[in-house]
């Protein structure tokens, strides 16, 4: 593995563990957004979920909330949320 590949593997791991959006992480770490996307696509390849599809998310130990971002829309879901309300919100967002 090249030094650059190792460096970006570590950066992707740091981004994942940060809980930040890609844009926020790039700003905080002085990385270019499009360069980040290039390396993410290059290193993860087909491991990434296809765009526009749902993936199952599980909360890790010590996590009590989930923050989702899609095309500039942020959704913060606290522990103990109302699944019916979340379903209604997602249905509404699908129509936009």
PDB file of N, CA and C in Angstrom:
ATOM      1  N   UNK A   1       0.854  -1.175   0.000  1.00  0.00           N
ATOM      2  CA  UNK A   1       0.000   0.000   0.000  1.00  0.00           C
ATOM      3  C   UNK A   1       0.897   1.234   0.000  1.00  0.00           C
ATOM      4  N   UNK A   2       0.609   2.169  -0.895  1.00  0.00           N
ATOM      5  CA  UNK A   2       1.416   3.386  -0.978  1.00  0.00           C
ATOM      6  C   UNK A   2       1.166   4.285   0.235  1.00  0.00           C
ATOM      7  N   UNK A   3       2.089   5.193   0.443  1.00  0.00           N
ATOM      8  CA  UNK A   3       1.969   6.125   1.564  1.00  0.00           C
ATOM      9  C   UNK A   3       0.705   6.971   1.431  1.00  0.00           C
ATOM     10  N   UNK A   4       0.417   7.421   0.210  1.00  0.00           N
ATOM     11  CA  UNK A   4      -0.771   8.237  -0.026  1.00  0.00           C
ATOM     12  C   UNK A   4      -2.057   7.444   0.234  1.00  0.00           C
ATOM     13  N   UNK A   5      -2.067   6.187  -0.206  1.00  0.00           N
ATOM     14  CA  UNK A   5      -3.234   5.335   0.031  1.00  0.00           C
ATOM     15  C   UNK A   5      -3.436   5.116   1.524  1.00  0.00           C
ATOM     16  N   UNK A   6      -2.358   4.872   2.241  1.00  0.00           N
ATOM     17  CA  UNK A   6      -2.443   4.680   3.693  1.00  0.00           C
ATOM     18  C   UNK A   6      -2.934   5.957   4.373  1.00  0.00           C
ATOM     19  N   UNK A   7      -2.420   7.094   3.928  1.00  0.00           N
ATOM     20  CA  UNK A   7      -2.831   8.376   4.498  1.00  0.00           C
ATOM     21  C   UNK A   7      -4.330   8.605   4.327  1.00  0.00           C
ATOM     22  N   UNK A   8      -4.853   8.317   3.137  1.00  0.00           N
ATOM     23  CA  UNK A   8      -6.279   8.536   2.895  1.00  0.00           C
ATOM     24  C   UNK A   8      -7.145   7.472   3.567  1.00  0.00           C
ATOM     25  N   UNK A   9      -6.631   6.285   3.736  1.00  0.00           N
ATOM     26  CA  UNK A   9      -7.360   5.261   4.503  1.00  0.00           C
ATOM     27  C   UNK A   9      -7.552   5.746   5.940  1.00  0.00           C
ATOM     28  N   UNK A  10      -6.511   6.346   6.501  1.00  0.00           N
ATOM     29  CA  UNK A  10      -6.583   6.879   7.862  1.00  0.00           C
ATOM     30  C   UNK A  10      -7.518   8.095   7.939  1.00  0.00           C
ATOM     31  N   UNK A  11      -7.487   8.941   6.905  1.00  0.00           N
ATOM     32  CA  UNK A  11      -8.363  10.111   6.892  1.00  0.00           C
ATOM     33  C   UNK A  11      -9.831   9.688   6.808  1.00  0.00           C
ATOM     34  N   UNK A  12     -10.123   8.685   5.994  1.00  0.00           N
ATOM     35  CA  UNK A  12     -11.503   8.196   5.902  1.00  0.00           C
ATOM     36  C   UNK A  12     -11.966   7.615   7.234  1.00  0.00           C
ATOM     37  N   UNK A  13     -11.093   6.906   7.915  1.00  0.00           N
ATOM     38  CA  UNK A  13     -11.442   6.352   9.225  1.00  0.00           C
ATOM     39  C   UNK A  13     -11.693   7.472  10.234  1.00  0.00           C
ATOM     40  N   UNK A  14     -10.866   8.517  10.171  1.00  0.00           N
ATOM     41  CA  UNK A  14     -11.043   9.661  11.081  1.00  0.00           C
ATOM     42  C   UNK A  14     -12.364  10.365  10.807  1.00  0.00           C
ATOM     43  N   UNK A  15     -12.713  10.517   9.522  1.00  0.00           N
ATOM     44  CA  UNK A  15     -13.987  11.149   9.165  1.00  0.00           C
ATOM     45  C   UNK A  15     -15.160  10.329   9.709  1.00  0.00           C
ATOM     46  N   UNK A  16     -15.114   9.007   9.490  1.00  0.00           N
ATOM     47  CA  UNK A  16     -16.217   8.144   9.958  1.00  0.00           C
ATOM     48  C   UNK A  16     -16.406   8.251  11.468  1.00  0.00           C
ATOM     49  N   UNK A  17     -15.319   8.241  12.198  1.00  0.00           N
ATOM     50  CA  UNK A  17     -15.427   8.264  13.659  1.00  0.00           C
ATOM     51  C   UNK A  17     -15.792   9.651  14.191  1.00  0.00           C
ATOM     52  N   UNK A  18     -15.655  10.686  13.353  1.00  0.00           N
ATOM     53  CA  UNK A  18     -15.944  12.046  13.812  1.00  0.00           C
ATOM     54  C   UNK A  18     -17.439  12.325  13.937  1.00  0.00           C
ATOM     55  N   UNK A  19     -18.246  11.637  13.120  1.00  0.00           N
ATOM     56  CA  UNK A  19     -19.680  11.917  13.111  1.00  0.00           C
ATOM     57  C   UNK A  19     -20.037  13.163  12.318  1.00  0.00           C
ATOM     58  N   UNK A  20     -19.055  13.798  11.693  1.00  0.00           N
ATOM     59  CA  UNK A  20     -19.286  15.011  10.909  1.00  0.00           C
ATOM     60  C   UNK A  20     -19.686  14.663   9.484  1.00  0.00           C
ATOM     61  N   UNK A  21     -20.317  15.609   8.826  1.00  0.00           N
ATOM     62  CA  UNK A  21     -20.574  15.447   7.396  1.00  0.00           C
ATOM     63  C   UNK A  21     -19.233  15.551   6.678  1.00  0.00           C
ATOM     64  N   UNK A  22     -19.201  15.119   5.424  1.00  0.00           N
ATOM     65  CA  UNK A  22     -17.958  15.196   4.656  1.00  0.00           C
ATOM     66  C   UNK A  22     -17.518  16.653   4.531  1.00  0.00           C
ATOM     67  N   UNK A  23     -18.458  17.527   4.192  1.00  0.00           N
ATOM     68  CA  UNK A  23     -18.118  18.939   4.006  1.00  0.00           C
ATOM     69  C   UNK A  23     -17.544  19.552   5.291  1.00  0.00           C
ATOM     70  N   UNK A  24     -18.185  19.272   6.416  1.00  0.00           N
ATOM     71  CA  UNK A  24     -17.706  19.823   7.689  1.00  0.00           C
ATOM     72  C   UNK A  24     -16.332  19.261   8.042  1.00  0.00           C
ATOM     73  N   UNK A  25     -16.140  17.965   7.844  1.00  0.00           N
ATOM     74  CA  UNK A  25     -14.846  17.352   8.157  1.00  0.00           C
ATOM     75  C   UNK A  25     -13.742  17.955   7.282  1.00  0.00           C
ATOM     76  N   UNK A  26     -14.030  18.137   6.007  1.00  0.00           N
ATOM     77  CA  UNK A  26     -13.034  18.714   5.098  1.00  0.00           C
ATOM     78  C   UNK A  26     -12.653  20.130   5.525  1.00  0.00           C
ATOM     79  N   UNK A  27     -13.641  20.934   5.897  1.00  0.00           N
ATOM     80  CA  UNK A  27     -13.355  22.303   6.356  1.00  0.00           C
ATOM     81  C   UNK A  27     -12.487  22.275   7.612  1.00  0.00           C
ATOM     82  N   UNK A  28     -12.840  21.415   8.555  1.00  0.00           N
ATOM     83  CA  UNK A  28     -12.119  21.347   9.829  1.00  0.00           C
ATOM     84  C   UNK A  28     -10.697  20.823   9.668  1.00  0.00           C
ATOM     85  N   UNK A  29     -10.465  20.023   8.623  1.00  0.00           N
ATOM     86  CA  UNK A  29      -9.160  19.391   8.452  1.00  0.00           C
ATOM     87  C   UNK A  29      -8.375  19.917   7.250  1.00  0.00           C
ATOM     88  N   UNK A  30      -8.878  20.972   6.634  1.00  0.00           N
ATOM     89  CA  UNK A  30      -8.157  21.598   5.538  1.00  0.00           C
ATOM     90  C   UNK A  30      -8.006  20.724   4.298  1.00  0.00           C
ATOM     91  N   UNK A  31      -8.992  19.866   4.053  1.00  0.00           N
ATOM     92  CA  UNK A  31      -8.958  18.992   2.871  1.00  0.00           C
ATOM     93  C   UNK A  31      -9.964  19.484   1.841  1.00  0.00           C
ATOM     94  N   UNK A  32      -9.653  19.253   0.580  1.00  0.00           N
ATOM     95  CA  UNK A  32     -10.571  19.606  -0.489  1.00  0.00           C
ATOM     96  C   UNK A  32     -11.724  18.609  -0.556  1.00  0.00           C
ATOM     97  N   UNK A  33     -12.929  19.136  -0.675  1.00  0.00           N
ATOM     98  CA  UNK A  33     -14.129  18.297  -0.705  1.00  0.00           C
ATOM     99  C   UNK A  33     -14.085  17.294  -1.861  1.00  0.00           C
ATOM    100  N   UNK A  34     -13.771  17.758  -3.064  1.00  0.00           N
ATOM    101  CA  UNK A  34     -13.769  16.868  -4.229  1.00  0.00           C
ATOM    102  C   UNK A  34     -12.618  15.863  -4.171  1.00  0.00           C
ATOM    103  N   UNK A  35     -11.504  16.278  -3.602  1.00  0.00           N
ATOM    104  CA  UNK A  35     -10.396  15.337  -3.425  1.00  0.00           C
ATOM    105  C   UNK A  35     -10.809  14.233  -2.448  1.00  0.00           C
ATOM    106  N   UNK A  36     -11.489  14.636  -1.385  1.00  0.00           N
ATOM    107  CA  UNK A  36     -11.985  13.654  -0.417  1.00  0.00           C
ATOM    108  C   UNK A  36     -12.897  12.644  -1.113  1.00  0.00           C
ATOM    109  N   UNK A  37     -13.856  13.143  -1.918  1.00  0.00           N
ATOM    110  CA  UNK A  37     -14.777  12.250  -2.621  1.00  0.00           C
ATOM    111  C   UNK A  37     -14.035  11.312  -3.570  1.00  0.00           C
ATOM    112  N   UNK A  38     -13.004  11.830  -4.233  1.00  0.00           N
ATOM    113  CA  UNK A  38     -12.199  11.002  -5.136  1.00  0.00           C
ATOM    114  C   UNK A  38     -11.582   9.838  -4.363  1.00  0.00           C
ATOM    115  N   UNK A  39     -10.933  10.148  -3.249  1.00  0.00           N
ATOM    116  CA  UNK A  39     -10.268   9.093  -2.487  1.00  0.00           C
ATOM    117  C   UNK A  39     -11.264   8.137  -1.846  1.00  0.00           C
ATOM    118  N   UNK A  40     -12.382   8.642  -1.415  1.00  0.00           N
ATOM    119  CA  UNK A  40     -13.414   7.763  -0.844  1.00  0.00           C
ATOM    120  C   UNK A  40     -13.903   6.774  -1.895  1.00  0.00           C
ATOM    121  N   UNK A  41     -14.184   7.293  -3.089  1.00  0.00           N
ATOM    122  CA  UNK A  41     -14.642   6.427  -4.184  1.00  0.00           C
ATOM    123  C   UNK A  41     -13.546   5.433  -4.584  1.00  0.00           C
ATOM    124  N   UNK A  42     -12.324   5.912  -4.645  1.00  0.00           N
ATOM    125  CA  UNK A  42     -11.209   5.056  -5.051  1.00  0.00           C
ATOM    126  C   UNK A  42     -10.956   3.928  -4.045  1.00  0.00           C
ATOM    127  N   UNK A  43     -10.986   4.256  -2.754  1.00  0.00           N
ATOM    128  CA  UNK A  43     -10.651   3.258  -1.740  1.00  0.00           C
ATOM    129  C   UNK A  43     -11.827   2.368  -1.353  1.00  0.00           C
ATOM    130  N   UNK A  44     -13.026   2.902  -1.393  1.00  0.00           N
ATOM    131  CA  UNK A  44     -14.181   2.101  -1.000  1.00  0.00           C
ATOM    132  C   UNK A  44     -14.829   1.413  -2.190  1.00  0.00           C
ATOM    133  N   UNK A  45     -14.663   1.981  -3.366  1.00  0.00           N
ATOM    134  CA  UNK A  45     -15.208   1.375  -4.573  1.00  0.00           C
ATOM    135  C   UNK A  45     -16.651   0.967  -4.419  1.00  0.00           C
ATOM    136  N   UNK A  46     -16.939  -0.291  -4.637  1.00  0.00           N
ATOM    137  CA  UNK A  46     -18.316  -0.795  -4.596  1.00  0.00           C
ATOM    138  C   UNK A  46     -18.809  -1.024  -3.171  1.00  0.00           C
ATOM    139  N   UNK A  47     -17.978  -0.758  -2.170  1.00  0.00           N
ATOM    140  CA  UNK A  47     -18.421  -0.935  -0.784  1.00  0.00           C
ATOM    141  C   UNK A  47     -19.436   0.125  -0.390  1.00  0.00           C
ATOM    142  N   UNK A  48     -19.399   1.287  -1.055  1.00  0.00           N
ATOM    143  CA  UNK A  48     -20.335   2.357  -0.732  1.00  0.00           C
ATOM    144  C   UNK A  48     -21.724   1.984  -1.218  1.00  0.00           C
ATOM    145  N   UNK A  49     -22.721   2.442  -0.493  1.00  0.00           N
ATOM    146  CA  UNK A  49     -24.097   2.202  -0.908  1.00  0.00           C
ATOM    147  C   UNK A  49     -24.392   3.030  -2.155  1.00  0.00           C
ATOM    148  N   UNK A  50     -25.118   2.486  -3.093  1.00  0.00           N
ATOM    149  CA  UNK A  50     -25.479   3.251  -4.277  1.00  0.00           C
ATOM    150  C   UNK A  50     -26.296   4.483  -3.898  1.00  0.00           C
ATOM    151  N   UNK A  51     -26.128   5.544  -4.660  1.00  0.00           N
ATOM    152  CA  UNK A  51     -26.841   6.781  -4.390  1.00  0.00           C
ATOM    153  C   UNK A  51     -28.348   6.565  -4.480  1.00  0.00           C
ATOM    154  N   UNK A  52     -29.086   7.193  -3.544  1.00  0.00           N
ATOM    155  CA  UNK A  52     -30.530   7.114  -3.581  1.00  0.00           C
ATOM    156  C   UNK A  52     -31.108   5.848  -2.976  1.00  0.00           C
ATOM    157  N   UNK A  53     -30.306   5.055  -2.307  1.00  0.00           N
ATOM    158  CA  UNK A  53     -30.795   3.821  -1.697  1.00  0.00           C
ATOM    159  C   UNK A  53     -30.697   3.924  -0.183  1.00  0.00           C
ATOM    160  N   UNK A  54     -31.555   3.190   0.496  1.00  0.00           N
ATOM    161  CA  UNK A  54     -31.505   3.158   1.948  1.00  0.00           C
ATOM    162  C   UNK A  54     -30.523   2.095   2.412  1.00  0.00           C
ATOM    163  N   UNK A  55     -29.839   2.382   3.480  1.00  0.00           N
ATOM    164  CA  UNK A  55     -28.952   1.410   4.108  1.00  0.00           C
ATOM    165  C   UNK A  55     -29.338   1.321   5.579  1.00  0.00           C
ATOM    166  N   UNK A  56     -29.102   0.172   6.175  1.00  0.00           N
ATOM    167  CA  UNK A  56     -29.421  -0.010   7.590  1.00  0.00           C
ATOM    168  C   UNK A  56     -28.324   0.628   8.429  1.00  0.00           C
ATOM    169  N   UNK A  57     -28.720   1.409   9.426  1.00  0.00           N
ATOM    170  CA  UNK A  57     -27.774   2.047  10.327  1.00  0.00           C
ATOM    171  C   UNK A  57     -28.009   1.531  11.737  1.00  0.00           C
ATOM    172  N   UNK A  58     -26.938   1.290  12.445  1.00  0.00           N
ATOM    173  CA  UNK A  58     -27.047   0.912  13.848  1.00  0.00           C
ATOM    174  C   UNK A  58     -26.193   1.872  14.662  1.00  0.00           C
ATOM    175  N   UNK A  59     -26.658   2.192  15.852  1.00  0.00           N
ATOM    176  CA  UNK A  59     -25.910   3.085  16.723  1.00  0.00           C
ATOM    177  C   UNK A  59     -24.878   2.289  17.504  1.00  0.00           C
ATOM    178  N   UNK A  60     -23.669   2.819  17.556  1.00  0.00           N
ATOM    179  CA  UNK A  60     -22.606   2.169  18.301  1.00  0.00           C
ATOM    180  C   UNK A  60     -22.734   2.439  19.783  1.00  0.00           C
ATOM    181  N   UNK A  61     -21.900   1.791  20.577  1.00  0.00           N
ATOM    182  CA  UNK A  61     -21.945   2.001  22.030  1.00  0.00           C
ATOM    183  C   UNK A  61     -21.677   3.469  22.374  1.00  0.00           C
ATOM    184  N   UNK A  62     -22.436   3.982  23.298  1.00  0.00           N
ATOM    185  CA  UNK A  62     -22.259   5.355  23.743  1.00  0.00           C
ATOM    186  C   UNK A  62     -22.905   6.384  22.835  1.00  0.00           C
ATOM    187  N   UNK A  63     -23.529   5.962  21.770  1.00  0.00           N
ATOM    188  CA  UNK A  63     -24.194   6.898  20.856  1.00  0.00           C
ATOM    189  C   UNK A  63     -25.672   6.950  21.209  1.00  0.00           C
ATOM    190  N   UNK A  64     -26.194   8.142  21.346  1.00  0.00           N
ATOM    191  CA  UNK A  64     -27.602   8.253  21.706  1.00  0.00           C
ATOM    192  C   UNK A  64     -28.414   9.000  20.661  1.00  0.00           C
ATOM    193  N   UNK A  65     -27.773   9.413  19.590  1.00  0.00           N
ATOM    194  CA  UNK A  65     -28.496  10.149  18.560  1.00  0.00           C
ATOM    195  C   UNK A  65     -27.886   9.837  17.208  1.00  0.00           C
ATOM    196  N   UNK A  66     -28.638  10.141  16.181  1.00  0.00           N
ATOM    197  CA  UNK A  66     -28.200   9.902  14.817  1.00  0.00           C
ATOM    198  C   UNK A  66     -28.452  11.175  14.027  1.00  0.00           C
ATOM    199  N   UNK A  67     -27.463  11.603  13.253  1.00  0.00           N
ATOM    200  CA  UNK A  67     -27.606  12.788  12.416  1.00  0.00           C
ATOM    201  C   UNK A  67     -27.449  12.356  10.966  1.00  0.00           C
ATOM    202  N   UNK A  68     -28.447  12.661  10.162  1.00  0.00           N
ATOM    203  CA  UNK A  68     -28.431  12.295   8.751  1.00  0.00           C
ATOM    204  C   UNK A  68     -28.312  13.558   7.905  1.00  0.00           C
ATOM    205  N   UNK A  69     -27.584  13.449   6.799  1.00  0.00           N
ATOM    206  CA  UNK A  69     -27.471  14.562   5.867  1.00  0.00           C
ATOM    207  C   UNK A  69     -27.664  14.017   4.464  1.00  0.00           C
ATOM    208  N   UNK A  70     -28.484  14.690   3.698  1.00  0.00           N
ATOM    209  CA  UNK A  70     -28.698  14.309   2.301  1.00  0.00           C
ATOM    210  C   UNK A  70     -28.978  15.567   1.493  1.00  0.00           C
ATOM    211  N   UNK A  71     -28.096  15.880   0.580  1.00  0.00           N
ATOM    212  CA  UNK A  71     -28.265  17.044  -0.288  1.00  0.00           C
ATOM    213  C   UNK A  71     -28.550  18.328   0.488  1.00  0.00           C
ATOM    214  N   UNK A  72     -27.819  18.534   1.560  1.00  0.00           N
ATOM    215  CA  UNK A  72     -27.964  19.766   2.331  1.00  0.00           C
ATOM    216  C   UNK A  72     -29.104  19.769   3.334  1.00  0.00           C
ATOM    217  N   UNK A  73     -29.845  18.660   3.437  1.00  0.00           N
ATOM    218  CA  UNK A  73     -30.917  18.547   4.427  1.00  0.00           C
ATOM    219  C   UNK A  73     -30.379  17.731   5.598  1.00  0.00           C
ATOM    220  N   UNK A  74     -30.475  18.294   6.797  1.00  0.00           N
ATOM    221  CA  UNK A  74     -29.996  17.618   7.993  1.00  0.00           C
ATOM    222  C   UNK A  74     -31.179  17.145   8.824  1.00  0.00           C
ATOM    223  N   UNK A  75     -31.072  15.947   9.354  1.00  0.00           N
ATOM    224  CA  UNK A  75     -32.117  15.392  10.205  1.00  0.00           C
ATOM    225  C   UNK A  75     -31.438  14.789  11.429  1.00  0.00           C
ATOM    226  N   UNK A  76     -31.786  15.292  12.607  1.00  0.00           N
ATOM    227  CA  UNK A  76     -31.212  14.816  13.866  1.00  0.00           C
ATOM    228  C   UNK A  76     -32.257  13.939  14.556  1.00  0.00           C
ATOM    229  N   UNK A  77     -31.900  12.683  14.805  1.00  0.00           N
ATOM    230  CA  UNK A  77     -32.831  11.732  15.418  1.00  0.00           C
ATOM    231  C   UNK A  77     -32.276  11.346  16.786  1.00  0.00           C
ATOM    232  N   UNK A  78     -32.988  11.740  17.834  1.00  0.00           N
ATOM    233  CA  UNK A  78     -32.570  11.405  19.192  1.00  0.00           C
ATOM    234  C   UNK A  78     -32.988   9.991  19.562  1.00  0.00           C
ATOM    235  N   UNK A  79     -32.308   9.440  20.546  1.00  0.00           N
ATOM    236  CA  UNK A  79     -32.668   8.140  21.102  1.00  0.00           C
ATOM    237  C   UNK A  79     -34.102   8.229  21.610  1.00  0.00           C
ATOM    238  N   UNK A  80     -34.895   7.203  21.347  1.00  0.00           N
ATOM    239  CA  UNK A  80     -36.277   7.191  21.805  1.00  0.00           C
ATOM    240  C   UNK A  80     -37.218   7.961  20.887  1.00  0.00           C
ATOM    241  N   UNK A  81     -36.813   8.191  19.635  1.00  0.00           N
ATOM    242  CA  UNK A  81     -37.633   8.944  18.687  1.00  0.00           C
ATOM    243  C   UNK A  81     -38.938   8.219  18.386  1.00  0.00           C
ATOM    244  N   UNK A  82     -39.883   8.948  17.817  1.00  0.00           N
ATOM    245  CA  UNK A  82     -41.168   8.397  17.406  1.00  0.00           C
ATOM    246  C   UNK A  82     -41.034   7.880  15.968  1.00  0.00           C
ATOM    247  N   UNK A  83     -41.038   6.556  15.753  1.00  0.00           N
ATOM    248  CA  UNK A  83     -40.857   6.010  14.403  1.00  0.00           C
ATOM    249  C   UNK A  83     -41.925   6.480  13.416  1.00  0.00           C
ATOM    250  N   UNK A  84     -43.148   6.689  13.872  1.00  0.00           N
ATOM    251  CA  UNK A  84     -44.216   7.175  12.998  1.00  0.00           C
ATOM    252  C   UNK A  84     -43.933   8.578  12.488  1.00  0.00           C
ATOM    253  N   UNK A  85     -43.435   9.438  13.374  1.00  0.00           N
ATOM    254  CA  UNK A  85     -43.093  10.800  12.984  1.00  0.00           C
ATOM    255  C   UNK A  85     -41.931  10.789  11.983  1.00  0.00           C
ATOM    256  N   UNK A  86     -40.925   9.958  12.237  1.00  0.00           N
ATOM    257  CA  UNK A  86     -39.796   9.849  11.304  1.00  0.00           C
ATOM    258  C   UNK A  86     -40.279   9.375   9.940  1.00  0.00           C
ATOM    259  N   UNK A  87     -41.169   8.415   9.918  1.00  0.00           N
ATOM    260  CA  UNK A  87     -41.724   7.916   8.657  1.00  0.00           C
ATOM    261  C   UNK A  87     -42.456   9.023   7.904  1.00  0.00           C
ATOM    262  N   UNK A  88     -43.233   9.819   8.629  1.00  0.00           N
ATOM    263  CA  UNK A  88     -43.949  10.938   8.012  1.00  0.00           C
ATOM    264  C   UNK A  88     -42.978  11.966   7.429  1.00  0.00           C
ATOM    265  N   UNK A  89     -41.922  12.266   8.171  1.00  0.00           N
ATOM    266  CA  UNK A  89     -40.925  13.235   7.703  1.00  0.00           C
ATOM    267  C   UNK A  89     -40.225  12.720   6.444  1.00  0.00           C
ATOM    268  N   UNK A  90     -39.830  11.454   6.449  1.00  0.00           N
ATOM    269  CA  UNK A  90     -39.152  10.887   5.288  1.00  0.00           C
ATOM    270  C   UNK A  90     -40.074  10.843   4.070  1.00  0.00           C
ATOM    271  N   UNK A  91     -41.336  10.548   4.292  1.00  0.00           N
ATOM    272  CA  UNK A  91     -42.316  10.546   3.180  1.00  0.00           C
ATOM    273  C   UNK A  91     -42.441  11.948   2.592  1.00  0.00           C
ATOM    274  N   UNK A  92     -42.483  12.947   3.450  1.00  0.00           N
ATOM    275  CA  UNK A  92     -42.582  14.322   2.992  1.00  0.00           C
ATOM    276  C   UNK A  92     -41.330  14.721   2.209  1.00  0.00           C
ATOM    277  N   UNK A  93     -40.158  14.354   2.709  1.00  0.00           N
ATOM    278  CA  UNK A  93     -38.905  14.686   2.035  1.00  0.00           C
ATOM    279  C   UNK A  93     -38.798  14.016   0.677  1.00  0.00           C
ATOM    280  N   UNK A  94     -39.365  12.814   0.539  1.00  0.00           N
ATOM    281  CA  UNK A  94     -39.331  12.119  -0.755  1.00  0.00           C
ATOM    282  C   UNK A  94     -40.085  12.898  -1.824  1.00  0.00           C
ATOM    283  N   UNK A  95     -41.108  13.644  -1.414  1.00  0.00           N
ATOM    284  CA  UNK A  95     -41.932  14.388  -2.359  1.00  0.00           C
ATOM    285  C   UNK A  95     -41.278  15.684  -2.820  1.00  0.00           C
ATOM    286  N   UNK A  96     -40.300  16.143  -2.058  1.00  0.00           N
ATOM    287  CA  UNK A  96     -39.651  17.445  -2.366  1.00  0.00           C
ATOM    288  C   UNK A  96     -38.649  17.275  -3.484  1.00  0.00           C
TER     289      UNK A  96
END
